[in-house]
Amino acid sequence: ADDERFALTDQVDAKLVAWKGGKADNLRALLGSLDSVLWADAGWKKVGMSDLVMPNKVKIIYMKAIAKVHPDKISQDATTEQRMISGSVFSTLNEAWDKFKKDNGL
């Protein structure tokens, strides 16, 4: 498994960098583009920026996103690449959430 992880590192990193692209601490932007980094059968539907205006709505969407990528919630059938992506997405969203909470007094 370590060999597979190593072989996938560059590919996964490229996907994550493209997703984060200078917005790693912008929760709204990350949630709005989450569909670009998750795999097709992850079950994530694209979220429009209009759904990310009100802080309480952002919180709901954030909670749904975290549930999709939480390490304990990933399908047993998930590939190594999917596990690597979900782990990084999980930590990126959590860091952005901490900043969002502070900025919005949540």
PDB file of N, CA and C in Angstrom:
ATOM      1  N   ALA A   1       0.836  -1.197   0.000  1.00  0.00           N
ATOM      2  CA  ALA A   1       0.000   0.000   0.000  1.00  0.00           C
ATOM      3  C   ALA A   1       0.878   1.256   0.000  1.00  0.00           C
ATOM      4  N   ASP A   2       2.004   1.220   0.689  1.00  0.00           N
ATOM      5  CA  ASP A   2       2.882   2.389   0.726  1.00  0.00           C
ATOM      6  C   ASP A   2       3.426   2.724  -0.662  1.00  0.00           C
ATOM      7  N   ASP A   3       3.757   1.678  -1.435  1.00  0.00           N
ATOM      8  CA  ASP A   3       4.244   1.905  -2.793  1.00  0.00           C
ATOM      9  C   ASP A   3       3.172   2.594  -3.631  1.00  0.00           C
ATOM     10  N   GLU A   4       1.934   2.128  -3.467  1.00  0.00           N
ATOM     11  CA  GLU A   4       0.821   2.708  -4.221  1.00  0.00           C
ATOM     12  C   GLU A   4       0.619   4.170  -3.817  1.00  0.00           C
ATOM     13  N   ARG A   5       0.663   4.432  -2.507  1.00  0.00           N
ATOM     14  CA  ARG A   5       0.507   5.811  -2.014  1.00  0.00           C
ATOM     15  C   ARG A   5       1.596   6.707  -2.596  1.00  0.00           C
ATOM     16  N   PHE A   6       2.835   6.193  -2.585  1.00  0.00           N
ATOM     17  CA  PHE A   6       3.955   6.969  -3.096  1.00  0.00           C
ATOM     18  C   PHE A   6       3.768   7.263  -4.581  1.00  0.00           C
ATOM     19  N   ALA A   7       3.340   6.247  -5.332  1.00  0.00           N
ATOM     20  CA  ALA A   7       3.147   6.406  -6.773  1.00  0.00           C
ATOM     21  C   ALA A   7       2.045   7.429  -7.078  1.00  0.00           C
ATOM     22  N   LEU A   8       1.061   7.519  -6.207  1.00  0.00           N
ATOM     23  CA  LEU A   8      -0.078   8.415  -6.434  1.00  0.00           C
ATOM     24  C   LEU A   8       0.143   9.830  -5.908  1.00  0.00           C
ATOM     25  N   THR A   9       1.187  10.037  -5.112  1.00  0.00           N
ATOM     26  CA  THR A   9       1.377  11.308  -4.419  1.00  0.00           C
ATOM     27  C   THR A   9       1.336  12.519  -5.348  1.00  0.00           C
ATOM     28  N   ASP A  10       2.107  12.481  -6.445  1.00  0.00           N
ATOM     29  CA  ASP A  10       2.157  13.634  -7.351  1.00  0.00           C
ATOM     30  C   ASP A  10       0.796  13.924  -7.976  1.00  0.00           C
ATOM     31  N   GLN A  11       0.128  12.857  -8.399  1.00  0.00           N
ATOM     32  CA  GLN A  11      -1.185  12.986  -9.040  1.00  0.00           C
ATOM     33  C   GLN A  11      -2.201  13.581  -8.057  1.00  0.00           C
ATOM     34  N   VAL A  12      -2.217  13.063  -6.841  1.00  0.00           N
ATOM     35  CA  VAL A  12      -3.151  13.544  -5.821  1.00  0.00           C
ATOM     36  C   VAL A  12      -2.816  14.987  -5.442  1.00  0.00           C
ATOM     37  N   ASP A  13      -1.534  15.264  -5.245  1.00  0.00           N
ATOM     38  CA  ASP A  13      -1.121  16.627  -4.895  1.00  0.00           C
ATOM     39  C   ASP A  13      -1.545  17.627  -5.968  1.00  0.00           C
ATOM     40  N   ALA A  14      -1.416  17.242  -7.228  1.00  0.00           N
ATOM     41  CA  ALA A  14      -1.789  18.136  -8.329  1.00  0.00           C
ATOM     42  C   ALA A  14      -3.283  18.453  -8.272  1.00  0.00           C
ATOM     43  N   LYS A  15      -4.106  17.439  -8.010  1.00  0.00           N
ATOM     44  CA  LYS A  15      -5.550  17.654  -7.901  1.00  0.00           C
ATOM     45  C   LYS A  15      -5.874  18.597  -6.743  1.00  0.00           C
ATOM     46  N   LEU A  16      -5.209  18.381  -5.624  1.00  0.00           N
ATOM     47  CA  LEU A  16      -5.482  19.190  -4.434  1.00  0.00           C
ATOM     48  C   LEU A  16      -5.014  20.636  -4.619  1.00  0.00           C
ATOM     49  N   VAL A  17      -3.855  20.812  -5.247  1.00  0.00           N
ATOM     50  CA  VAL A  17      -3.350  22.160  -5.490  1.00  0.00           C
ATOM     51  C   VAL A  17      -4.299  22.901  -6.432  1.00  0.00           C
ATOM     52  N   ALA A  18      -4.788  22.203  -7.459  1.00  0.00           N
ATOM     53  CA  ALA A  18      -5.732  22.823  -8.398  1.00  0.00           C
ATOM     54  C   ALA A  18      -7.014  23.232  -7.671  1.00  0.00           C
ATOM     55  N   TRP A  19      -7.449  22.398  -6.721  1.00  0.00           N
ATOM     56  CA  TRP A  19      -8.671  22.690  -5.966  1.00  0.00           C
ATOM     57  C   TRP A  19      -8.470  23.865  -5.011  1.00  0.00           C
ATOM     58  N   LYS A  20      -7.367  23.822  -4.258  1.00  0.00           N
ATOM     59  CA  LYS A  20      -7.112  24.875  -3.263  1.00  0.00           C
ATOM     60  C   LYS A  20      -6.767  26.196  -3.929  1.00  0.00           C
ATOM     61  N   GLY A  21      -5.927  26.141  -4.967  1.00  0.00           N
ATOM     62  CA  GLY A  21      -5.509  27.294  -5.747  1.00  0.00           C
ATOM     63  C   GLY A  21      -5.590  28.657  -5.093  1.00  0.00           C
ATOM     64  N   GLY A  22      -4.852  28.882  -4.029  1.00  0.00           N
ATOM     65  CA  GLY A  22      -4.815  30.193  -3.392  1.00  0.00           C
ATOM     66  C   GLY A  22      -6.045  30.521  -2.556  1.00  0.00           C
ATOM     67  N   LYS A  23      -6.902  29.518  -2.341  1.00  0.00           N
ATOM     68  CA  LYS A  23      -8.109  29.775  -1.554  1.00  0.00           C
ATOM     69  C   LYS A  23      -8.239  28.772  -0.409  1.00  0.00           C
ATOM     70  N   ALA A  24      -7.104  28.256   0.069  1.00  0.00           N
ATOM     71  CA  ALA A  24      -7.114  27.202   1.075  1.00  0.00           C
ATOM     72  C   ALA A  24      -7.808  27.607   2.372  1.00  0.00           C
ATOM     73  N   ASP A  25      -7.904  28.938   2.627  1.00  0.00           N
ATOM     74  CA  ASP A  25      -8.561  29.338   3.870  1.00  0.00           C
ATOM     75  C   ASP A  25      -9.935  29.961   3.611  1.00  0.00           C
ATOM     76  N   ASN A  26     -10.410  29.882   2.354  1.00  0.00           N
ATOM     77  CA  ASN A  26     -11.714  30.447   2.000  1.00  0.00           C
ATOM     78  C   ASN A  26     -12.735  29.311   1.921  1.00  0.00           C
ATOM     79  N   LEU A  27     -13.454  29.107   3.015  1.00  0.00           N
ATOM     80  CA  LEU A  27     -14.376  27.975   3.098  1.00  0.00           C
ATOM     81  C   LEU A  27     -15.422  28.000   1.993  1.00  0.00           C
ATOM     82  N   ARG A  28     -15.968  29.176   1.713  1.00  0.00           N
ATOM     83  CA  ARG A  28     -17.005  29.266   0.665  1.00  0.00           C
ATOM     84  C   ARG A  28     -16.457  28.806  -0.688  1.00  0.00           C
ATOM     85  N   ALA A  29     -15.278  29.284  -1.035  1.00  0.00           N
ATOM     86  CA  ALA A  29     -14.683  28.921  -2.326  1.00  0.00           C
ATOM     87  C   ALA A  29     -14.344  27.432  -2.370  1.00  0.00           C
ATOM     88  N   LEU A  30     -13.861  26.895  -1.267  1.00  0.00           N
ATOM     89  CA  LEU A  30     -13.527  25.471  -1.224  1.00  0.00           C
ATOM     90  C   LEU A  30     -14.780  24.611  -1.395  1.00  0.00           C
ATOM     91  N   LEU A  31     -15.844  24.969  -0.685  1.00  0.00           N
ATOM     92  CA  LEU A  31     -17.090  24.204  -0.796  1.00  0.00           C
ATOM     93  C   LEU A  31     -17.699  24.345  -2.192  1.00  0.00           C
ATOM     94  N   GLY A  32     -17.591  25.550  -2.755  1.00  0.00           N
ATOM     95  CA  GLY A  32     -18.159  25.797  -4.075  1.00  0.00           C
ATOM     96  C   GLY A  32     -17.464  25.039  -5.187  1.00  0.00           C
ATOM     97  N   SER A  33     -16.224  24.630  -4.956  1.00  0.00           N
ATOM     98  CA  SER A  33     -15.473  23.908  -5.988  1.00  0.00           C
ATOM     99  C   SER A  33     -15.140  22.473  -5.572  1.00  0.00           C
ATOM    100  N   LEU A  34     -15.756  21.997  -4.513  1.00  0.00           N
ATOM    101  CA  LEU A  34     -15.444  20.658  -3.991  1.00  0.00           C
ATOM    102  C   LEU A  34     -15.682  19.568  -5.033  1.00  0.00           C
ATOM    103  N   ASP A  35     -16.677  19.766  -5.881  1.00  0.00           N
ATOM    104  CA  ASP A  35     -16.973  18.767  -6.915  1.00  0.00           C
ATOM    105  C   ASP A  35     -15.791  18.555  -7.868  1.00  0.00           C
ATOM    106  N   SER A  36     -14.897  19.548  -7.973  1.00  0.00           N
ATOM    107  CA  SER A  36     -13.769  19.424  -8.901  1.00  0.00           C
ATOM    108  C   SER A  36     -12.678  18.492  -8.378  1.00  0.00           C
ATOM    109  N   VAL A  37     -12.682  18.208  -7.087  1.00  0.00           N
ATOM    110  CA  VAL A  37     -11.621  17.363  -6.532  1.00  0.00           C
ATOM    111  C   VAL A  37     -12.137  15.987  -6.102  1.00  0.00           C
ATOM    112  N   LEU A  38     -13.424  15.876  -5.818  1.00  0.00           N
ATOM    113  CA  LEU A  38     -13.978  14.576  -5.408  1.00  0.00           C
ATOM    114  C   LEU A  38     -14.296  13.717  -6.629  1.00  0.00           C
ATOM    115  N   TRP A  39     -14.319  12.422  -6.441  1.00  0.00           N
ATOM    116  CA  TRP A  39     -14.589  11.485  -7.526  1.00  0.00           C
ATOM    117  C   TRP A  39     -16.096  11.423  -7.781  1.00  0.00           C
ATOM    118  N   ALA A  40     -16.446  10.931  -8.962  1.00  0.00           N
ATOM    119  CA  ALA A  40     -17.832  10.968  -9.440  1.00  0.00           C
ATOM    120  C   ALA A  40     -18.837  10.309  -8.479  1.00  0.00           C
ATOM    121  N   ASP A  41     -18.494   9.143  -7.948  1.00  0.00           N
ATOM    122  CA  ASP A  41     -19.477   8.463  -7.084  1.00  0.00           C
ATOM    123  C   ASP A  41     -19.297   8.780  -5.599  1.00  0.00           C
ATOM    124  N   ALA A  42     -18.663   9.905  -5.303  1.00  0.00           N
ATOM    125  CA  ALA A  42     -18.541  10.332  -3.901  1.00  0.00           C
ATOM    126  C   ALA A  42     -19.893  10.800  -3.378  1.00  0.00           C
ATOM    127  N   GLY A  43     -20.807  11.099  -4.300  1.00  0.00           N
ATOM    128  CA  GLY A  43     -22.138  11.513  -3.892  1.00  0.00           C
ATOM    129  C   GLY A  43     -22.246  12.988  -3.545  1.00  0.00           C
ATOM    130  N   TRP A  44     -21.294  13.782  -4.027  1.00  0.00           N
ATOM    131  CA  TRP A  44     -21.324  15.226  -3.734  1.00  0.00           C
ATOM    132  C   TRP A  44     -21.940  15.974  -4.903  1.00  0.00           C
ATOM    133  N   LYS A  45     -22.932  16.803  -4.620  1.00  0.00           N
ATOM    134  CA  LYS A  45     -23.544  17.624  -5.665  1.00  0.00           C
ATOM    135  C   LYS A  45     -22.930  19.018  -5.611  1.00  0.00           C
ATOM    136  N   LYS A  46     -22.665  19.574  -6.796  1.00  0.00           N
ATOM    137  CA  LYS A  46     -22.067  20.917  -6.855  1.00  0.00           C
ATOM    138  C   LYS A  46     -22.949  21.913  -6.109  1.00  0.00           C
ATOM    139  N   VAL A  47     -22.287  22.802  -5.359  1.00  0.00           N
ATOM    140  CA  VAL A  47     -22.982  23.818  -4.576  1.00  0.00           C
ATOM    141  C   VAL A  47     -22.746  25.166  -5.240  1.00  0.00           C
ATOM    142  N   GLY A  48     -23.811  25.908  -5.469  1.00  0.00           N
ATOM    143  CA  GLY A  48     -23.686  27.225  -6.078  1.00  0.00           C
ATOM    144  C   GLY A  48     -23.305  28.259  -5.031  1.00  0.00           C
ATOM    145  N   MET A  49     -22.619  29.315  -5.463  1.00  0.00           N
ATOM    146  CA  MET A  49     -22.222  30.365  -4.519  1.00  0.00           C
ATOM    147  C   MET A  49     -23.445  31.009  -3.851  1.00  0.00           C
ATOM    148  N   SER A  50     -24.595  30.978  -4.534  1.00  0.00           N
ATOM    149  CA  SER A  50     -25.809  31.551  -3.937  1.00  0.00           C
ATOM    150  C   SER A  50     -26.230  30.783  -2.682  1.00  0.00           C
ATOM    151  N   ASP A  51     -25.821  29.515  -2.599  1.00  0.00           N
ATOM    152  CA  ASP A  51     -26.126  28.705  -1.411  1.00  0.00           C
ATOM    153  C   ASP A  51     -25.126  28.952  -0.282  1.00  0.00           C
ATOM    154  N   LEU A  52     -24.075  29.731  -0.576  1.00  0.00           N
ATOM    155  CA  LEU A  52     -22.999  29.920   0.388  1.00  0.00           C
ATOM    156  C   LEU A  52     -22.919  31.366   0.887  1.00  0.00           C
ATOM    157  N   VAL A  53     -24.041  32.054   0.879  1.00  0.00           N
ATOM    158  CA  VAL A  53     -24.051  33.456   1.312  1.00  0.00           C
ATOM    159  C   VAL A  53     -24.201  33.554   2.826  1.00  0.00           C
ATOM    160  N   MET A  54     -25.232  32.938   3.373  1.00  0.00           N
ATOM    161  CA  MET A  54     -25.503  33.026   4.807  1.00  0.00           C
ATOM    162  C   MET A  54     -24.588  32.077   5.598  1.00  0.00           C
ATOM    163  N   PRO A  55     -23.940  32.591   6.655  1.00  0.00           N
ATOM    164  CA  PRO A  55     -23.033  31.740   7.436  1.00  0.00           C
ATOM    165  C   PRO A  55     -23.681  30.448   7.948  1.00  0.00           C
ATOM    166  N   ASN A  56     -24.961  30.496   8.357  1.00  0.00           N
ATOM    167  CA  ASN A  56     -25.579  29.267   8.878  1.00  0.00           C
ATOM    168  C   ASN A  56     -25.778  28.236   7.766  1.00  0.00           C
ATOM    169  N   LYS A  57     -25.989  28.697   6.532  1.00  0.00           N
ATOM    170  CA  LYS A  57     -26.123  27.779   5.392  1.00  0.00           C
ATOM    171  C   LYS A  57     -24.752  27.177   5.055  1.00  0.00           C
ATOM    172  N   VAL A  58     -23.713  28.009   5.155  1.00  0.00           N
ATOM    173  CA  VAL A  58     -22.347  27.521   4.917  1.00  0.00           C
ATOM    174  C   VAL A  58     -22.027  26.408   5.914  1.00  0.00           C
ATOM    175  N   LYS A  59     -22.447  26.595   7.155  1.00  0.00           N
ATOM    176  CA  LYS A  59     -22.192  25.581   8.188  1.00  0.00           C
ATOM    177  C   LYS A  59     -22.856  24.253   7.820  1.00  0.00           C
ATOM    178  N   ILE A  60     -24.092  24.306   7.348  1.00  0.00           N
ATOM    179  CA  ILE A  60     -24.807  23.079   6.967  1.00  0.00           C
ATOM    180  C   ILE A  60     -24.081  22.368   5.828  1.00  0.00           C
ATOM    181  N   ILE A  61     -23.671  23.135   4.824  1.00  0.00           N
ATOM    182  CA  ILE A  61     -22.981  22.539   3.673  1.00  0.00           C
ATOM    183  C   ILE A  61     -21.620  21.995   4.097  1.00  0.00           C
ATOM    184  N   TYR A  62     -20.936  22.734   4.977  1.00  0.00           N
ATOM    185  CA  TYR A  62     -19.654  22.260   5.511  1.00  0.00           C
ATOM    186  C   TYR A  62     -19.843  20.915   6.214  1.00  0.00           C
ATOM    187  N   MET A  63     -20.898  20.810   7.050  1.00  0.00           N
ATOM    188  CA  MET A  63     -21.150  19.564   7.778  1.00  0.00           C
ATOM    189  C   MET A  63     -21.406  18.401   6.813  1.00  0.00           C
ATOM    190  N   LYS A  64     -22.139  18.672   5.742  1.00  0.00           N
ATOM    191  CA  LYS A  64     -22.397  17.629   4.736  1.00  0.00           C
ATOM    192  C   LYS A  64     -21.094  17.215   4.057  1.00  0.00           C
ATOM    193  N   ALA A  65     -20.252  18.206   3.748  1.00  0.00           N
ATOM    194  CA  ALA A  65     -18.980  17.917   3.075  1.00  0.00           C
ATOM    195  C   ALA A  65     -18.080  17.073   3.967  1.00  0.00           C
ATOM    196  N   ILE A  66     -17.987  17.452   5.233  1.00  0.00           N
ATOM    197  CA  ILE A  66     -17.150  16.714   6.176  1.00  0.00           C
ATOM    198  C   ILE A  66     -17.636  15.269   6.312  1.00  0.00           C
ATOM    199  N   ALA A  67     -18.956  15.100   6.313  1.00  0.00           N
ATOM    200  CA  ALA A  67     -19.510  13.748   6.410  1.00  0.00           C
ATOM    201  C   ALA A  67     -19.113  12.893   5.202  1.00  0.00           C
ATOM    202  N   LYS A  68     -18.983  13.520   4.037  1.00  0.00           N
ATOM    203  CA  LYS A  68     -18.608  12.780   2.817  1.00  0.00           C
ATOM    204  C   LYS A  68     -17.145  12.356   2.822  1.00  0.00           C
ATOM    205  N   VAL A  69     -16.274  13.183   3.417  1.00  0.00           N
ATOM    206  CA  VAL A  69     -14.834  12.906   3.309  1.00  0.00           C
ATOM    207  C   VAL A  69     -14.198  12.447   4.619  1.00  0.00           C
ATOM    208  N   HIS A  70     -14.997  12.301   5.678  1.00  0.00           N
ATOM    209  CA  HIS A  70     -14.443  11.873   6.962  1.00  0.00           C
ATOM    210  C   HIS A  70     -13.793  10.504   6.802  1.00  0.00           C
ATOM    211  N   PRO A  71     -12.577  10.340   7.339  1.00  0.00           N
ATOM    212  CA  PRO A  71     -11.868   9.056   7.188  1.00  0.00           C
ATOM    213  C   PRO A  71     -12.687   7.833   7.626  1.00  0.00           C
ATOM    214  N   ASP A  72     -13.538   7.984   8.626  1.00  0.00           N
ATOM    215  CA  ASP A  72     -14.348   6.854   9.093  1.00  0.00           C
ATOM    216  C   ASP A  72     -15.582   6.613   8.232  1.00  0.00           C
ATOM    217  N   LYS A  73     -15.908   7.565   7.371  1.00  0.00           N
ATOM    218  CA  LYS A  73     -17.128   7.453   6.563  1.00  0.00           C
ATOM    219  C   LYS A  73     -16.863   7.037   5.112  1.00  0.00           C
ATOM    220  N   ILE A  74     -15.592   6.980   4.750  1.00  0.00           N
ATOM    221  CA  ILE A  74     -15.238   6.603   3.378  1.00  0.00           C
ATOM    222  C   ILE A  74     -15.613   5.140   3.147  1.00  0.00           C
ATOM    223  N   SER A  75     -16.139   4.864   1.969  1.00  0.00           N
ATOM    224  CA  SER A  75     -16.556   3.513   1.606  1.00  0.00           C
ATOM    225  C   SER A  75     -15.394   2.526   1.755  1.00  0.00           C
ATOM    226  N   GLN A  76     -15.724   1.316   2.175  1.00  0.00           N
ATOM    227  CA  GLN A  76     -14.701   0.266   2.290  1.00  0.00           C
ATOM    228  C   GLN A  76     -14.076  -0.030   0.924  1.00  0.00           C
ATOM    229  N   ASP A  77     -14.836   0.260  -0.140  1.00  0.00           N
ATOM    230  CA  ASP A  77     -14.363  -0.018  -1.500  1.00  0.00           C
ATOM    231  C   ASP A  77     -13.516   1.110  -2.077  1.00  0.00           C
ATOM    232  N   ALA A  78     -13.325   2.182  -1.315  1.00  0.00           N
ATOM    233  CA  ALA A  78     -12.603   3.344  -1.833  1.00  0.00           C
ATOM    234  C   ALA A  78     -11.178   2.969  -2.232  1.00  0.00           C
ATOM    235  N   THR A  79     -10.715   3.593  -3.312  1.00  0.00           N
ATOM    236  CA  THR A  79      -9.345   3.348  -3.763  1.00  0.00           C
ATOM    237  C   THR A  79      -8.366   4.109  -2.856  1.00  0.00           C
ATOM    238  N   THR A  80      -7.109   3.771  -2.959  1.00  0.00           N
ATOM    239  CA  THR A  80      -6.077   4.474  -2.193  1.00  0.00           C
ATOM    240  C   THR A  80      -6.090   5.955  -2.555  1.00  0.00           C
ATOM    241  N   GLU A  81      -6.243   6.257  -3.842  1.00  0.00           N
ATOM    242  CA  GLU A  81      -6.272   7.653  -4.284  1.00  0.00           C
ATOM    243  C   GLU A  81      -7.445   8.394  -3.633  1.00  0.00           C
ATOM    244  N   GLN A  82      -8.612   7.772  -3.597  1.00  0.00           N
ATOM    245  CA  GLN A  82      -9.789   8.399  -2.988  1.00  0.00           C
ATOM    246  C   GLN A  82      -9.566   8.638  -1.500  1.00  0.00           C
ATOM    247  N   ARG A  83      -8.925   7.696  -0.833  1.00  0.00           N
ATOM    248  CA  ARG A  83      -8.637   7.862   0.596  1.00  0.00           C
ATOM    249  C   ARG A  83      -7.660   9.023   0.825  1.00  0.00           C
ATOM    250  N   MET A  84      -6.658   9.136  -0.048  1.00  0.00           N
ATOM    251  CA  MET A  84      -5.675  10.212   0.077  1.00  0.00           C
ATOM    252  C   MET A  84      -6.340  11.567  -0.155  1.00  0.00           C
ATOM    253  N   ILE A  85      -7.177  11.652  -1.189  1.00  0.00           N
ATOM    254  CA  ILE A  85      -7.868  12.904  -1.493  1.00  0.00           C
ATOM    255  C   ILE A  85      -8.789  13.274  -0.337  1.00  0.00           C
ATOM    256  N   SER A  86      -9.585  12.322   0.130  1.00  0.00           N
ATOM    257  CA  SER A  86     -10.547  12.647   1.182  1.00  0.00           C
ATOM    258  C   SER A  86      -9.839  13.075   2.464  1.00  0.00           C
ATOM    259  N   GLY A  87      -8.715  12.465   2.783  1.00  0.00           N
ATOM    260  CA  GLY A  87      -7.969  12.862   3.976  1.00  0.00           C
ATOM    261  C   GLY A  87      -7.491  14.300   3.900  1.00  0.00           C
ATOM    262  N   SER A  88      -6.963  14.684   2.739  1.00  0.00           N
ATOM    263  CA  SER A  88      -6.479  16.057   2.569  1.00  0.00           C
ATOM    264  C   SER A  88      -7.624  17.060   2.518  1.00  0.00           C
ATOM    265  N   VAL A  89      -8.706  16.686   1.841  1.00  0.00           N
ATOM    266  CA  VAL A  89      -9.874  17.567   1.769  1.00  0.00           C
ATOM    267  C   VAL A  89     -10.431  17.781   3.173  1.00  0.00           C
ATOM    268  N   PHE A  90     -10.493  16.699   3.946  1.00  0.00           N
ATOM    269  CA  PHE A  90     -11.007  16.764   5.315  1.00  0.00           C
ATOM    270  C   PHE A  90     -10.215  17.782   6.143  1.00  0.00           C
ATOM    271  N   SER A  91      -8.894  17.681   6.109  1.00  0.00           N
ATOM    272  CA  SER A  91      -8.091  18.592   6.932  1.00  0.00           C
ATOM    273  C   SER A  91      -8.137  20.027   6.395  1.00  0.00           C
ATOM    274  N   THR A  92      -8.162  20.195   5.071  1.00  0.00           N
ATOM    275  CA  THR A  92      -8.247  21.538   4.490  1.00  0.00           C
ATOM    276  C   THR A  92      -9.559  22.213   4.881  1.00  0.00           C
ATOM    277  N   LEU A  93     -10.669  21.472   4.773  1.00  0.00           N
ATOM    278  CA  LEU A  93     -11.976  22.039   5.141  1.00  0.00           C
ATOM    279  C   LEU A  93     -12.029  22.384   6.626  1.00  0.00           C
ATOM    280  N   ASN A  94     -11.446  21.533   7.453  1.00  0.00           N
ATOM    281  CA  ASN A  94     -11.448  21.818   8.897  1.00  0.00           C
ATOM    282  C   ASN A  94     -10.685  23.087   9.226  1.00  0.00           C
ATOM    283  N   GLU A  95      -9.531  23.288   8.591  1.00  0.00           N
ATOM    284  CA  GLU A  95      -8.748  24.503   8.834  1.00  0.00           C
ATOM    285  C   GLU A  95      -9.518  25.736   8.363  1.00  0.00           C
ATOM    286  N   ALA A  96     -10.143  25.634   7.180  1.00  0.00           N
ATOM    287  CA  ALA A  96     -10.909  26.760   6.647  1.00  0.00           C
ATOM    288  C   ALA A  96     -12.127  27.046   7.533  1.00  0.00           C
ATOM    289  N   TRP A  97     -12.729  25.986   8.091  1.00  0.00           N
ATOM    290  CA  TRP A  97     -13.882  26.135   8.980  1.00  0.00           C
ATOM    291  C   TRP A  97     -13.491  26.910  10.241  1.00  0.00           C
ATOM    292  N   ASP A  98     -12.330  26.587  10.799  1.00  0.00           N
ATOM    293  CA  ASP A  98     -11.870  27.296  12.004  1.00  0.00           C
ATOM    294  C   ASP A  98     -11.766  28.791  11.733  1.00  0.00           C
ATOM    295  N   LYS A  99     -11.202  29.161  10.582  1.00  0.00           N
ATOM    296  CA  LYS A  99     -11.077  30.574  10.222  1.00  0.00           C
ATOM    297  C   LYS A  99     -12.463  31.183   9.991  1.00  0.00           C
ATOM    298  N   PHE A 100     -13.323  30.456   9.287  1.00  0.00           N
ATOM    299  CA  PHE A 100     -14.672  30.944   8.986  1.00  0.00           C
ATOM    300  C   PHE A 100     -15.453  31.213  10.275  1.00  0.00           C
ATOM    301  N   LYS A 101     -15.342  30.285  11.225  1.00  0.00           N
ATOM    302  CA  LYS A 101     -16.042  30.458  12.515  1.00  0.00           C
ATOM    303  C   LYS A 101     -15.580  31.725  13.203  1.00  0.00           C
ATOM    304  N   LYS A 102     -14.263  31.929  13.217  1.00  0.00           N
ATOM    305  CA  LYS A 102     -13.699  33.112  13.874  1.00  0.00           C
ATOM    306  C   LYS A 102     -14.173  34.387  13.170  1.00  0.00           C
ATOM    307  N   ASP A 103     -14.087  34.377  11.832  1.00  0.00           N
ATOM    308  CA  ASP A 103     -14.456  35.553  11.042  1.00  0.00           C
ATOM    309  C   ASP A 103     -15.940  35.899  11.166  1.00  0.00           C
ATOM    310  N   ASN A 104     -16.762  34.880  11.395  1.00  0.00           N
ATOM    311  CA  ASN A 104     -18.214  35.085  11.416  1.00  0.00           C
ATOM    312  C   ASN A 104     -18.815  34.988  12.823  1.00  0.00           C
ATOM    313  N   GLY A 105     -17.967  34.907  13.825  1.00  0.00           N
ATOM    314  CA  GLY A 105     -18.425  34.850  15.212  1.00  0.00           C
ATOM    315  C   GLY A 105     -19.345  33.677  15.509  1.00  0.00           C
ATOM    316  N   LEU A 106     -19.065  32.530  14.911  1.00  0.00           N
ATOM    317  CA  LEU A 106     -19.880  31.322  15.139  1.00  0.00           C
ATOM    318  C   LEU A 106     -19.325  30.502  16.289  1.00  0.00           C
TER     319      LEU A 106
END
